[in-house]
Amino acid sequence: MITVFTPTYNRAYSLPNLYDSLCKQSFVDFEWLLIDDGSTDNTQELIKQWELERKIKIRYLFQPNSGKHVAINKGVKEAEGEIFFIVDSDDTLTDDAILTIQRIYEKYKNEDDI
């Protein structure tokens, strides 16, 4: 499994584009882990709505505002996937992005120098 990790802070306006691109992935063995770094907008409500849709696996954690670096460190600790893939809240992915990562990982995961 791959952990797609997104640190976020007051990005409810940009997260829908990322969510839509994750829902279109051709490879579905991934979790979307979001660490909300103290948002005061409607980020939490938006993500709760998506969790109810059950289109993709979503894990959402809220923390008091501590900075992106703290959110990333928490994300690494909380990740369930073998691969930790950071995607910022204003990014989107091509439909085959996670599949491409998985294929490359499978090809090289047993290489001693990687």
PDB file of N, CA and C in Angstrom:
ATOM      1  N   MET A   1       0.839  -1.192   0.000  1.00  0.00           N
ATOM      2  CA  MET A   1       0.000   0.000   0.000  1.00  0.00           C
ATOM      3  C   MET A   1       0.884   1.256   0.000  1.00  0.00           C
ATOM      4  N   ILE A   2       0.354   2.294  -0.568  1.00  0.00           N
ATOM      5  CA  ILE A   2       1.027   3.591  -0.635  1.00  0.00           C
ATOM      6  C   ILE A   2       0.264   4.577   0.244  1.00  0.00           C
ATOM      7  N   THR A   3       1.006   5.356   1.008  1.00  0.00           N
ATOM      8  CA  THR A   3       0.409   6.458   1.747  1.00  0.00           C
ATOM      9  C   THR A   3       0.625   7.733   0.942  1.00  0.00           C
ATOM     10  N   VAL A   4      -0.462   8.318   0.500  1.00  0.00           N
ATOM     11  CA  VAL A   4      -0.421   9.638  -0.118  1.00  0.00           C
ATOM     12  C   VAL A   4      -0.664  10.608   1.034  1.00  0.00           C
ATOM     13  N   PHE A   5       0.332  11.413   1.326  1.00  0.00           N
ATOM     14  CA  PHE A   5       0.277  12.280   2.495  1.00  0.00           C
ATOM     15  C   PHE A   5       0.123  13.738   2.095  1.00  0.00           C
ATOM     16  N   THR A   6      -0.834  14.410   2.748  1.00  0.00           N
ATOM     17  CA  THR A   6      -1.062  15.827   2.491  1.00  0.00           C
ATOM     18  C   THR A   6      -1.109  16.597   3.803  1.00  0.00           C
ATOM     19  N   PRO A   7      -0.102  17.451   4.035  1.00  0.00           N
ATOM     20  CA  PRO A   7      -0.216  18.384   5.149  1.00  0.00           C
ATOM     21  C   PRO A   7      -1.082  19.551   4.674  1.00  0.00           C
ATOM     22  N   THR A   8      -1.958  20.028   5.532  1.00  0.00           N
ATOM     23  CA  THR A   8      -2.845  21.090   5.071  1.00  0.00           C
ATOM     24  C   THR A   8      -3.119  22.109   6.170  1.00  0.00           C
ATOM     25  N   TYR A   9      -3.363  23.327   5.733  1.00  0.00           N
ATOM     26  CA  TYR A   9      -3.741  24.410   6.646  1.00  0.00           C
ATOM     27  C   TYR A   9      -4.603  25.397   5.876  1.00  0.00           C
ATOM     28  N   ASN A  10      -5.869  25.471   6.222  1.00  0.00           N
ATOM     29  CA  ASN A  10      -6.826  26.385   5.580  1.00  0.00           C
ATOM     30  C   ASN A  10      -6.817  26.257   4.057  1.00  0.00           C
ATOM     31  N   ARG A  11      -6.926  25.040   3.567  1.00  0.00           N
ATOM     32  CA  ARG A  11      -6.890  24.795   2.129  1.00  0.00           C
ATOM     33  C   ARG A  11      -8.179  24.171   1.598  1.00  0.00           C
ATOM     34  N   ALA A  12      -9.282  24.393   2.280  1.00  0.00           N
ATOM     35  CA  ALA A  12     -10.556  23.831   1.818  1.00  0.00           C
ATOM     36  C   ALA A  12     -10.864  24.253   0.389  1.00  0.00           C
ATOM     37  N   TYR A  13     -10.364  25.404  -0.020  1.00  0.00           N
ATOM     38  CA  TYR A  13     -10.628  25.883  -1.380  1.00  0.00           C
ATOM     39  C   TYR A  13      -9.837  25.121  -2.442  1.00  0.00           C
ATOM     40  N   SER A  14      -8.711  24.489  -2.079  1.00  0.00           N
ATOM     41  CA  SER A  14      -7.900  23.804  -3.081  1.00  0.00           C
ATOM     42  C   SER A  14      -7.939  22.279  -2.953  1.00  0.00           C
ATOM     43  N   LEU A  15      -8.315  21.759  -1.810  1.00  0.00           N
ATOM     44  CA  LEU A  15      -8.341  20.309  -1.616  1.00  0.00           C
ATOM     45  C   LEU A  15      -9.290  19.560  -2.556  1.00  0.00           C
ATOM     46  N   PRO A  16     -10.435  20.121  -2.975  1.00  0.00           N
ATOM     47  CA  PRO A  16     -11.312  19.368  -3.880  1.00  0.00           C
ATOM     48  C   PRO A  16     -10.636  18.922  -5.173  1.00  0.00           C
ATOM     49  N   ASN A  17      -9.740  19.724  -5.718  1.00  0.00           N
ATOM     50  CA  ASN A  17      -9.050  19.320  -6.946  1.00  0.00           C
ATOM     51  C   ASN A  17      -8.167  18.103  -6.703  1.00  0.00           C
ATOM     52  N   LEU A  18      -7.471  18.086  -5.578  1.00  0.00           N
ATOM     53  CA  LEU A  18      -6.641  16.936  -5.240  1.00  0.00           C
ATOM     54  C   LEU A  18      -7.516  15.712  -4.986  1.00  0.00           C
ATOM     55  N   TYR A  19      -8.571  15.881  -4.229  1.00  0.00           N
ATOM     56  CA  TYR A  19      -9.490  14.770  -3.953  1.00  0.00           C
ATOM     57  C   TYR A  19     -10.015  14.175  -5.265  1.00  0.00           C
ATOM     58  N   ASP A  20     -10.457  15.005  -6.167  1.00  0.00           N
ATOM     59  CA  ASP A  20     -10.966  14.511  -7.452  1.00  0.00           C
ATOM     60  C   ASP A  20      -9.909  13.710  -8.194  1.00  0.00           C
ATOM     61  N   SER A  21      -8.673  14.189  -8.178  1.00  0.00           N
ATOM     62  CA  SER A  21      -7.617  13.464  -8.890  1.00  0.00           C
ATOM     63  C   SER A  21      -7.292  12.137  -8.202  1.00  0.00           C
ATOM     64  N   LEU A  22      -7.415  12.075  -6.882  1.00  0.00           N
ATOM     65  CA  LEU A  22      -7.190  10.812  -6.179  1.00  0.00           C
ATOM     66  C   LEU A  22      -8.303   9.814  -6.462  1.00  0.00           C
ATOM     67  N   CYS A  23      -9.518  10.291  -6.602  1.00  0.00           N
ATOM     68  CA  CYS A  23     -10.641   9.410  -6.911  1.00  0.00           C
ATOM     69  C   CYS A  23     -10.532   8.801  -8.308  1.00  0.00           C
ATOM     70  N   LYS A  24      -9.765   9.403  -9.174  1.00  0.00           N
ATOM     71  CA  LYS A  24      -9.612   8.930 -10.552  1.00  0.00           C
ATOM     72  C   LYS A  24      -8.420   7.992 -10.736  1.00  0.00           C
ATOM     73  N   GLN A  25      -7.716   7.667  -9.670  1.00  0.00           N
ATOM     74  CA  GLN A  25      -6.523   6.841  -9.796  1.00  0.00           C
ATOM     75  C   GLN A  25      -6.854   5.441 -10.311  1.00  0.00           C
ATOM     76  N   SER A  26      -6.006   4.938 -11.210  1.00  0.00           N
ATOM     77  CA  SER A  26      -6.201   3.591 -11.738  1.00  0.00           C
ATOM     78  C   SER A  26      -5.690   2.528 -10.767  1.00  0.00           C
ATOM     79  N   PHE A  27      -4.826   2.891  -9.851  1.00  0.00           N
ATOM     80  CA  PHE A  27      -4.328   2.003  -8.795  1.00  0.00           C
ATOM     81  C   PHE A  27      -4.974   2.459  -7.501  1.00  0.00           C
ATOM     82  N   VAL A  28      -5.664   1.564  -6.812  1.00  0.00           N
ATOM     83  CA  VAL A  28      -6.475   2.000  -5.673  1.00  0.00           C
ATOM     84  C   VAL A  28      -5.965   1.520  -4.315  1.00  0.00           C
ATOM     85  N   ASP A  29      -4.834   0.834  -4.275  1.00  0.00           N
ATOM     86  CA  ASP A  29      -4.306   0.362  -2.994  1.00  0.00           C
ATOM     87  C   ASP A  29      -3.472   1.468  -2.345  1.00  0.00           C
ATOM     88  N   PHE A  30      -4.175   2.504  -1.892  1.00  0.00           N
ATOM     89  CA  PHE A  30      -3.510   3.618  -1.222  1.00  0.00           C
ATOM     90  C   PHE A  30      -4.439   4.207  -0.170  1.00  0.00           C
ATOM     91  N   GLU A  31      -3.830   4.883   0.774  1.00  0.00           N
ATOM     92  CA  GLU A  31      -4.582   5.675   1.738  1.00  0.00           C
ATOM     93  C   GLU A  31      -4.203   7.130   1.519  1.00  0.00           C
ATOM     94  N   TRP A  32      -5.152   8.001   1.763  1.00  0.00           N
ATOM     95  CA  TRP A  32      -4.880   9.438   1.745  1.00  0.00           C
ATOM     96  C   TRP A  32      -4.867   9.892   3.188  1.00  0.00           C
ATOM     97  N   LEU A  33      -3.694  10.207   3.669  1.00  0.00           N
ATOM     98  CA  LEU A  33      -3.505  10.656   5.040  1.00  0.00           C
ATOM     99  C   LEU A  33      -3.335  12.164   5.033  1.00  0.00           C
ATOM    100  N   LEU A  34      -4.213  12.840   5.739  1.00  0.00           N
ATOM    101  CA  LEU A  34      -4.142  14.297   5.842  1.00  0.00           C
ATOM    102  C   LEU A  34      -3.869  14.678   7.290  1.00  0.00           C
ATOM    103  N   ILE A  35      -2.889  15.523   7.494  1.00  0.00           N
ATOM    104  CA  ILE A  35      -2.655  16.128   8.798  1.00  0.00           C
ATOM    105  C   ILE A  35      -3.047  17.592   8.655  1.00  0.00           C
ATOM    106  N   ASP A  36      -4.090  17.956   9.365  1.00  0.00           N
ATOM    107  CA  ASP A  36      -4.588  19.328   9.354  1.00  0.00           C
ATOM    108  C   ASP A  36      -3.871  20.084  10.462  1.00  0.00           C
ATOM    109  N   ASP A  37      -3.113  21.077  10.073  1.00  0.00           N
ATOM    110  CA  ASP A  37      -2.265  21.824  11.005  1.00  0.00           C
ATOM    111  C   ASP A  37      -2.996  23.038  11.580  1.00  0.00           C
ATOM    112  N   GLY A  38      -4.194  22.781  12.128  1.00  0.00           N
ATOM    113  CA  GLY A  38      -4.907  23.843  12.821  1.00  0.00           C
ATOM    114  C   GLY A  38      -5.804  24.707  11.963  1.00  0.00           C
ATOM    115  N   SER A  39      -6.342  24.158  10.885  1.00  0.00           N
ATOM    116  CA  SER A  39      -7.202  24.956  10.000  1.00  0.00           C
ATOM    117  C   SER A  39      -8.381  25.558  10.742  1.00  0.00           C
ATOM    118  N   THR A  40      -8.738  26.769  10.317  1.00  0.00           N
ATOM    119  CA  THR A  40      -9.904  27.453  10.873  1.00  0.00           C
ATOM    120  C   THR A  40     -11.006  27.636   9.826  1.00  0.00           C
ATOM    121  N   ASP A  41     -10.791  27.109   8.629  1.00  0.00           N
ATOM    122  CA  ASP A  41     -11.819  27.152   7.594  1.00  0.00           C
ATOM    123  C   ASP A  41     -12.652  25.869   7.689  1.00  0.00           C
ATOM    124  N   ASN A  42     -13.312  25.471   6.633  1.00  0.00           N
ATOM    125  CA  ASN A  42     -14.171  24.285   6.677  1.00  0.00           C
ATOM    126  C   ASN A  42     -13.476  23.022   6.179  1.00  0.00           C
ATOM    127  N   THR A  43     -12.156  22.957   6.322  1.00  0.00           N
ATOM    128  CA  THR A  43     -11.406  21.780   5.895  1.00  0.00           C
ATOM    129  C   THR A  43     -11.944  20.509   6.551  1.00  0.00           C
ATOM    130  N   GLN A  44     -12.125  20.537   7.852  1.00  0.00           N
ATOM    131  CA  GLN A  44     -12.565  19.341   8.562  1.00  0.00           C
ATOM    132  C   GLN A  44     -13.921  18.849   8.052  1.00  0.00           C
ATOM    133  N   GLU A  45     -14.868  19.734   7.869  1.00  0.00           N
ATOM    134  CA  GLU A  45     -16.197  19.348   7.395  1.00  0.00           C
ATOM    135  C   GLU A  45     -16.132  18.766   5.989  1.00  0.00           C
ATOM    136  N   LEU A  46     -15.312  19.357   5.148  1.00  0.00           N
ATOM    137  CA  LEU A  46     -15.149  18.892   3.783  1.00  0.00           C
ATOM    138  C   LEU A  46     -14.615  17.464   3.757  1.00  0.00           C
ATOM    139  N   ILE A  47     -13.594  17.208   4.533  1.00  0.00           N
ATOM    140  CA  ILE A  47     -12.984  15.882   4.550  1.00  0.00           C
ATOM    141  C   ILE A  47     -13.926  14.857   5.165  1.00  0.00           C
ATOM    142  N   LYS A  48     -14.646  15.230   6.203  1.00  0.00           N
ATOM    143  CA  LYS A  48     -15.635  14.323   6.798  1.00  0.00           C
ATOM    144  C   LYS A  48     -16.681  13.916   5.753  1.00  0.00           C
ATOM    145  N   GLN A  49     -17.080  14.854   4.908  1.00  0.00           N
ATOM    146  CA  GLN A  49     -18.033  14.554   3.830  1.00  0.00           C
ATOM    147  C   GLN A  49     -17.448  13.515   2.875  1.00  0.00           C
ATOM    148  N   TRP A  50     -16.186  13.701   2.506  1.00  0.00           N
ATOM    149  CA  TRP A  50     -15.530  12.747   1.601  1.00  0.00           C
ATOM    150  C   TRP A  50     -15.378  11.377   2.242  1.00  0.00           C
ATOM    151  N   GLU A  51     -15.099  11.341   3.529  1.00  0.00           N
ATOM    152  CA  GLU A  51     -14.995  10.058   4.222  1.00  0.00           C
ATOM    153  C   GLU A  51     -16.308   9.287   4.112  1.00  0.00           C
ATOM    154  N   LEU A  52     -17.421   9.975   4.211  1.00  0.00           N
ATOM    155  CA  LEU A  52     -18.733   9.334   4.098  1.00  0.00           C
ATOM    156  C   LEU A  52     -18.987   8.780   2.694  1.00  0.00           C
ATOM    157  N   GLU A  53     -18.395   9.404   1.684  1.00  0.00           N
ATOM    158  CA  GLU A  53     -18.557   8.933   0.309  1.00  0.00           C
ATOM    159  C   GLU A  53     -17.874   7.592   0.081  1.00  0.00           C
ATOM    160  N   ARG A  54     -16.810   7.314   0.816  1.00  0.00           N
ATOM    161  CA  ARG A  54     -16.060   6.044   0.745  1.00  0.00           C
ATOM    162  C   ARG A  54     -15.529   5.725  -0.652  1.00  0.00           C
ATOM    163  N   LYS A  55     -15.172   6.734  -1.398  1.00  0.00           N
ATOM    164  CA  LYS A  55     -14.587   6.507  -2.719  1.00  0.00           C
ATOM    165  C   LYS A  55     -13.137   6.065  -2.616  1.00  0.00           C
ATOM    166  N   ILE A  56     -12.428   6.607  -1.623  1.00  0.00           N
ATOM    167  CA  ILE A  56     -11.040   6.240  -1.359  1.00  0.00           C
ATOM    168  C   ILE A  56     -10.861   6.150   0.153  1.00  0.00           C
ATOM    169  N   LYS A  57      -9.783   5.489   0.558  1.00  0.00           N
ATOM    170  CA  LYS A  57      -9.491   5.408   1.990  1.00  0.00           C
ATOM    171  C   LYS A  57      -8.874   6.734   2.439  1.00  0.00           C
ATOM    172  N   ILE A  58      -9.515   7.373   3.412  1.00  0.00           N
ATOM    173  CA  ILE A  58      -9.053   8.660   3.922  1.00  0.00           C
ATOM    174  C   ILE A  58      -8.819   8.534   5.421  1.00  0.00           C
ATOM    175  N   ARG A  59      -7.689   9.052   5.867  1.00  0.00           N
ATOM    176  CA  ARG A  59      -7.413   9.187   7.294  1.00  0.00           C
ATOM    177  C   ARG A  59      -7.090  10.650   7.554  1.00  0.00           C
ATOM    178  N   TYR A  60      -7.837  11.242   8.455  1.00  0.00           N
ATOM    179  CA  TYR A  60      -7.716  12.676   8.734  1.00  0.00           C
ATOM    180  C   TYR A  60      -7.384  12.865  10.204  1.00  0.00           C
ATOM    181  N   LEU A  61      -6.326  13.625  10.470  1.00  0.00           N
ATOM    182  CA  LEU A  61      -5.923  13.946  11.837  1.00  0.00           C
ATOM    183  C   LEU A  61      -5.743  15.443  11.953  1.00  0.00           C
ATOM    184  N   PHE A  62      -6.237  15.987  13.049  1.00  0.00           N
ATOM    185  CA  PHE A  62      -6.123  17.417  13.314  1.00  0.00           C
ATOM    186  C   PHE A  62      -5.104  17.620  14.423  1.00  0.00           C
ATOM    187  N   GLN A  63      -4.288  18.655  14.270  1.00  0.00           N
ATOM    188  CA  GLN A  63      -3.360  19.036  15.335  1.00  0.00           C
ATOM    189  C   GLN A  63      -3.375  20.554  15.464  1.00  0.00           C
ATOM    190  N   PRO A  64      -3.051  21.073  16.636  1.00  0.00           N
ATOM    191  CA  PRO A  64      -2.905  22.523  16.775  1.00  0.00           C
ATOM    192  C   PRO A  64      -1.814  23.017  15.826  1.00  0.00           C
ATOM    193  N   ASN A  65      -1.946  24.228  15.351  1.00  0.00           N
ATOM    194  CA  ASN A  65      -0.988  24.775  14.397  1.00  0.00           C
ATOM    195  C   ASN A  65       0.430  24.684  14.945  1.00  0.00           C
ATOM    196  N   SER A  66       1.261  23.920  14.222  1.00  0.00           N
ATOM    197  CA  SER A  66       2.637  23.664  14.661  1.00  0.00           C
ATOM    198  C   SER A  66       3.645  23.798  13.535  1.00  0.00           C
ATOM    199  N   GLY A  67       3.180  23.968  12.314  1.00  0.00           N
ATOM    200  CA  GLY A  67       4.079  24.097  11.176  1.00  0.00           C
ATOM    201  C   GLY A  67       4.087  22.852  10.308  1.00  0.00           C
ATOM    202  N   LYS A  68       4.393  23.073   9.039  1.00  0.00           N
ATOM    203  CA  LYS A  68       4.384  21.981   8.061  1.00  0.00           C
ATOM    204  C   LYS A  68       5.353  20.872   8.436  1.00  0.00           C
ATOM    205  N   HIS A  69       6.522  21.233   8.930  1.00  0.00           N
ATOM    206  CA  HIS A  69       7.523  20.216   9.276  1.00  0.00           C
ATOM    207  C   HIS A  69       7.012  19.285  10.376  1.00  0.00           C
ATOM    208  N   VAL A  70       6.272  19.804  11.327  1.00  0.00           N
ATOM    209  CA  VAL A  70       5.702  18.973  12.396  1.00  0.00           C
ATOM    210  C   VAL A  70       4.616  18.067  11.812  1.00  0.00           C
ATOM    211  N   ALA A  71       3.813  18.608  10.911  1.00  0.00           N
ATOM    212  CA  ALA A  71       2.771  17.810  10.261  1.00  0.00           C
ATOM    213  C   ALA A  71       3.384  16.660   9.464  1.00  0.00           C
ATOM    214  N   ILE A  72       4.461  16.929   8.753  1.00  0.00           N
ATOM    215  CA  ILE A  72       5.126  15.870   7.974  1.00  0.00           C
ATOM    216  C   ILE A  72       5.671  14.795   8.907  1.00  0.00           C
ATOM    217  N   ASN A  73       6.322  15.189   9.985  1.00  0.00           N
ATOM    218  CA  ASN A  73       6.852  14.204  10.931  1.00  0.00           C
ATOM    219  C   ASN A  73       5.736  13.340  11.508  1.00  0.00           C
ATOM    220  N   LYS A  74       4.608  13.949  11.838  1.00  0.00           N
ATOM    221  CA  LYS A  74       3.470  13.186  12.352  1.00  0.00           C
ATOM    222  C   LYS A  74       2.932  12.248  11.271  1.00  0.00           C
ATOM    223  N   GLY A  75       2.892  12.723  10.047  1.00  0.00           N
ATOM    224  CA  GLY A  75       2.432  11.898   8.942  1.00  0.00           C
ATOM    225  C   GLY A  75       3.288  10.660   8.747  1.00  0.00           C
ATOM    226  N   VAL A  76       4.590  10.817   8.849  1.00  0.00           N
ATOM    227  CA  VAL A  76       5.492   9.667   8.712  1.00  0.00           C
ATOM    228  C   VAL A  76       5.183   8.634   9.795  1.00  0.00           C
ATOM    229  N   LYS A  77       4.954   9.095  11.006  1.00  0.00           N
ATOM    230  CA  LYS A  77       4.646   8.180  12.121  1.00  0.00           C
ATOM    231  C   LYS A  77       3.304   7.481  11.937  1.00  0.00           C
ATOM    232  N   GLU A  78       2.340   8.172  11.361  1.00  0.00           N
ATOM    233  CA  GLU A  78       0.981   7.644  11.231  1.00  0.00           C
ATOM    234  C   GLU A  78       0.763   6.816   9.961  1.00  0.00           C
ATOM    235  N   ALA A  79       1.650   6.925   9.001  1.00  0.00           N
ATOM    236  CA  ALA A  79       1.471   6.272   7.704  1.00  0.00           C
ATOM    237  C   ALA A  79       1.399   4.751   7.846  1.00  0.00           C
ATOM    238  N   GLU A  80       0.503   4.155   7.083  1.00  0.00           N
ATOM    239  CA  GLU A  80       0.366   2.703   7.060  1.00  0.00           C
ATOM    240  C   GLU A  80       0.986   2.084   5.809  1.00  0.00           C
ATOM    241  N   GLY A  81       1.296   2.893   4.819  1.00  0.00           N
ATOM    242  CA  GLY A  81       1.829   2.371   3.567  1.00  0.00           C
ATOM    243  C   GLY A  81       3.327   2.106   3.606  1.00  0.00           C
ATOM    244  N   GLU A  82       3.779   1.274   2.678  1.00  0.00           N
ATOM    245  CA  GLU A  82       5.214   1.018   2.513  1.00  0.00           C
ATOM    246  C   GLU A  82       5.913   2.226   1.894  1.00  0.00           C
ATOM    247  N   ILE A  83       5.179   2.940   1.082  1.00  0.00           N
ATOM    248  CA  ILE A  83       5.704   4.109   0.389  1.00  0.00           C
ATOM    249  C   ILE A  83       4.994   5.343   0.946  1.00  0.00           C
ATOM    250  N   PHE A  84       5.758   6.385   1.215  1.00  0.00           N
ATOM    251  CA  PHE A  84       5.231   7.641   1.749  1.00  0.00           C
ATOM    252  C   PHE A  84       5.418   8.693   0.670  1.00  0.00           C
ATOM    253  N   PHE A  85       4.321   9.152   0.104  1.00  0.00           N
ATOM    254  CA  PHE A  85       4.325  10.039  -1.055  1.00  0.00           C
ATOM    255  C   PHE A  85       3.644  11.347  -0.669  1.00  0.00           C
ATOM    256  N   ILE A  86       4.412  12.430  -0.576  1.00  0.00           N
ATOM    257  CA  ILE A  86       3.866  13.726  -0.175  1.00  0.00           C
ATOM    258  C   ILE A  86       3.267  14.441  -1.386  1.00  0.00           C
ATOM    259  N   VAL A  87       2.019  14.839  -1.237  1.00  0.00           N
ATOM    260  CA  VAL A  87       1.322  15.606  -2.274  1.00  0.00           C
ATOM    261  C   VAL A  87       0.696  16.810  -1.577  1.00  0.00           C
ATOM    262  N   ASP A  88       1.138  17.995  -1.925  1.00  0.00           N
ATOM    263  CA  ASP A  88       0.628  19.204  -1.279  1.00  0.00           C
ATOM    264  C   ASP A  88      -0.832  19.444  -1.626  1.00  0.00           C
ATOM    265  N   SER A  89      -1.483  20.233  -0.796  1.00  0.00           N
ATOM    266  CA  SER A  89      -2.927  20.439  -0.896  1.00  0.00           C
ATOM    267  C   SER A  89      -3.363  21.191  -2.151  1.00  0.00           C
ATOM    268  N   ASP A  90      -2.450  21.835  -2.824  1.00  0.00           N
ATOM    269  CA  ASP A  90      -2.812  22.547  -4.050  1.00  0.00           C
ATOM    270  C   ASP A  90      -2.325  21.817  -5.304  1.00  0.00           C
ATOM    271  N   ASP A  91      -1.931  20.551  -5.142  1.00  0.00           N
ATOM    272  CA  ASP A  91      -1.479  19.734  -6.269  1.00  0.00           C
ATOM    273  C   ASP A  91      -2.609  18.843  -6.775  1.00  0.00           C
ATOM    274  N   THR A  92      -2.412  18.283  -7.955  1.00  0.00           N
ATOM    275  CA  THR A  92      -3.270  17.224  -8.477  1.00  0.00           C
ATOM    276  C   THR A  92      -2.362  16.170  -9.093  1.00  0.00           C
ATOM    277  N   LEU A  93      -2.920  14.981  -9.307  1.00  0.00           N
ATOM    278  CA  LEU A  93      -2.158  13.877  -9.880  1.00  0.00           C
ATOM    279  C   LEU A  93      -2.782  13.433 -11.187  1.00  0.00           C
ATOM    280  N   THR A  94      -1.951  12.946 -12.092  1.00  0.00           N
ATOM    281  CA  THR A  94      -2.472  12.301 -13.293  1.00  0.00           C
ATOM    282  C   THR A  94      -3.144  11.000 -12.867  1.00  0.00           C
ATOM    283  N   ASP A  95      -4.030  10.478 -13.691  1.00  0.00           N
ATOM    284  CA  ASP A  95      -4.807   9.295 -13.337  1.00  0.00           C
ATOM    285  C   ASP A  95      -3.948   8.054 -13.068  1.00  0.00           C
ATOM    286  N   ASP A  96      -2.743   8.030 -13.599  1.00  0.00           N
ATOM    287  CA  ASP A  96      -1.875   6.857 -13.422  1.00  0.00           C
ATOM    288  C   ASP A  96      -0.682   7.130 -12.502  1.00  0.00           C
ATOM    289  N   ALA A  97      -0.707   8.214 -11.770  1.00  0.00           N
ATOM    290  CA  ALA A  97       0.449   8.595 -10.943  1.00  0.00           C
ATOM    291  C   ALA A  97       0.789   7.549  -9.886  1.00  0.00           C
ATOM    292  N   ILE A  98      -0.195   7.094  -9.144  1.00  0.00           N
ATOM    293  CA  ILE A  98       0.077   6.138  -8.073  1.00  0.00           C
ATOM    294  C   ILE A  98       0.445   4.780  -8.658  1.00  0.00           C
ATOM    295  N   LEU A  99      -0.170   4.399  -9.754  1.00  0.00           N
ATOM    296  CA  LEU A  99       0.211   3.163 -10.444  1.00  0.00           C
ATOM    297  C   LEU A  99       1.659   3.229 -10.892  1.00  0.00           C
ATOM    298  N   THR A 100       2.079   4.349 -11.428  1.00  0.00           N
ATOM    299  CA  THR A 100       3.468   4.517 -11.877  1.00  0.00           C
ATOM    300  C   THR A 100       4.435   4.382 -10.705  1.00  0.00           C
ATOM    301  N   ILE A 101       4.118   4.996  -9.601  1.00  0.00           N
ATOM    302  CA  ILE A 101       4.964   4.884  -8.408  1.00  0.00           C
ATOM    303  C   ILE A 101       5.044   3.438  -7.952  1.00  0.00           C
ATOM    304  N   GLN A 102       3.909   2.743  -7.918  1.00  0.00           N
ATOM    305  CA  GLN A 102       3.889   1.348  -7.490  1.00  0.00           C
ATOM    306  C   GLN A 102       4.726   0.479  -8.411  1.00  0.00           C
ATOM    307  N   ARG A 103       4.616   0.670  -9.709  1.00  0.00           N
ATOM    308  CA  ARG A 103       5.392  -0.126 -10.673  1.00  0.00           C
ATOM    309  C   ARG A 103       6.889   0.095 -10.504  1.00  0.00           C
ATOM    310  N   ILE A 104       7.288   1.330 -10.337  1.00  0.00           N
ATOM    311  CA  ILE A 104       8.712   1.625 -10.151  1.00  0.00           C
ATOM    312  C   ILE A 104       9.200   1.035  -8.831  1.00  0.00           C
ATOM    313  N   TYR A 105       8.400   1.162  -7.797  1.00  0.00           N
ATOM    314  CA  TYR A 105       8.765   0.590  -6.502  1.00  0.00           C
ATOM    315  C   TYR A 105       8.947  -0.923  -6.613  1.00  0.00           C
ATOM    316  N   GLU A 106       8.012  -1.606  -7.240  1.00  0.00           N
ATOM    317  CA  GLU A 106       8.110  -3.061  -7.388  1.00  0.00           C
ATOM    318  C   GLU A 106       9.347  -3.458  -8.177  1.00  0.00           C
ATOM    319  N   LYS A 107       9.697  -2.672  -9.158  1.00  0.00           N
ATOM    320  CA  LYS A 107      10.854  -2.986  -9.999  1.00  0.00           C
ATOM    321  C   LYS A 107      12.166  -2.861  -9.221  1.00  0.00           C
ATOM    322  N   TYR A 108      12.255  -1.895  -8.324  1.00  0.00           N
ATOM    323  CA  TYR A 108      13.529  -1.601  -7.674  1.00  0.00           C
ATOM    324  C   TYR A 108      13.585  -1.869  -6.167  1.00  0.00           C
ATOM    325  N   LYS A 109      12.512  -2.329  -5.553  1.00  0.00           N
ATOM    326  CA  LYS A 109      12.481  -2.425  -4.091  1.00  0.00           C
ATOM    327  C   LYS A 109      13.506  -3.379  -3.498  1.00  0.00           C
ATOM    328  N   ASN A 110      13.992  -4.330  -4.269  1.00  0.00           N
ATOM    329  CA  ASN A 110      14.964  -5.275  -3.751  1.00  0.00           C
ATOM    330  C   ASN A 110      16.410  -4.932  -4.105  1.00  0.00           C
ATOM    331  N   GLU A 111      16.598  -3.797  -4.732  1.00  0.00           N
ATOM    332  CA  GLU A 111      17.956  -3.356  -5.078  1.00  0.00           C
ATOM    333  C   GLU A 111      18.680  -2.922  -3.814  1.00  0.00           C
ATOM    334  N   ASP A 112      19.886  -3.407  -3.640  1.00  0.00           N
ATOM    335  CA  ASP A 112      20.666  -3.081  -2.430  1.00  0.00           C
ATOM    336  C   ASP A 112      21.077  -1.622  -2.331  1.00  0.00           C
ATOM    337  N   ASP A 113      21.220  -0.954  -3.448  1.00  0.00           N
ATOM    338  CA  ASP A 113      21.730   0.428  -3.420  1.00  0.00           C
ATOM    339  C   ASP A 113      20.613   1.479  -3.421  1.00  0.00           C
ATOM    340  N   ILE A 114      19.391   1.047  -3.202  1.00  0.00           N
ATOM    341  CA  ILE A 114      18.285   1.994  -3.167  1.00  0.00           C
ATOM    342  C   ILE A 114      17.675   2.000  -1.777  1.00  0.00           C
TER     343      ILE A 114
END
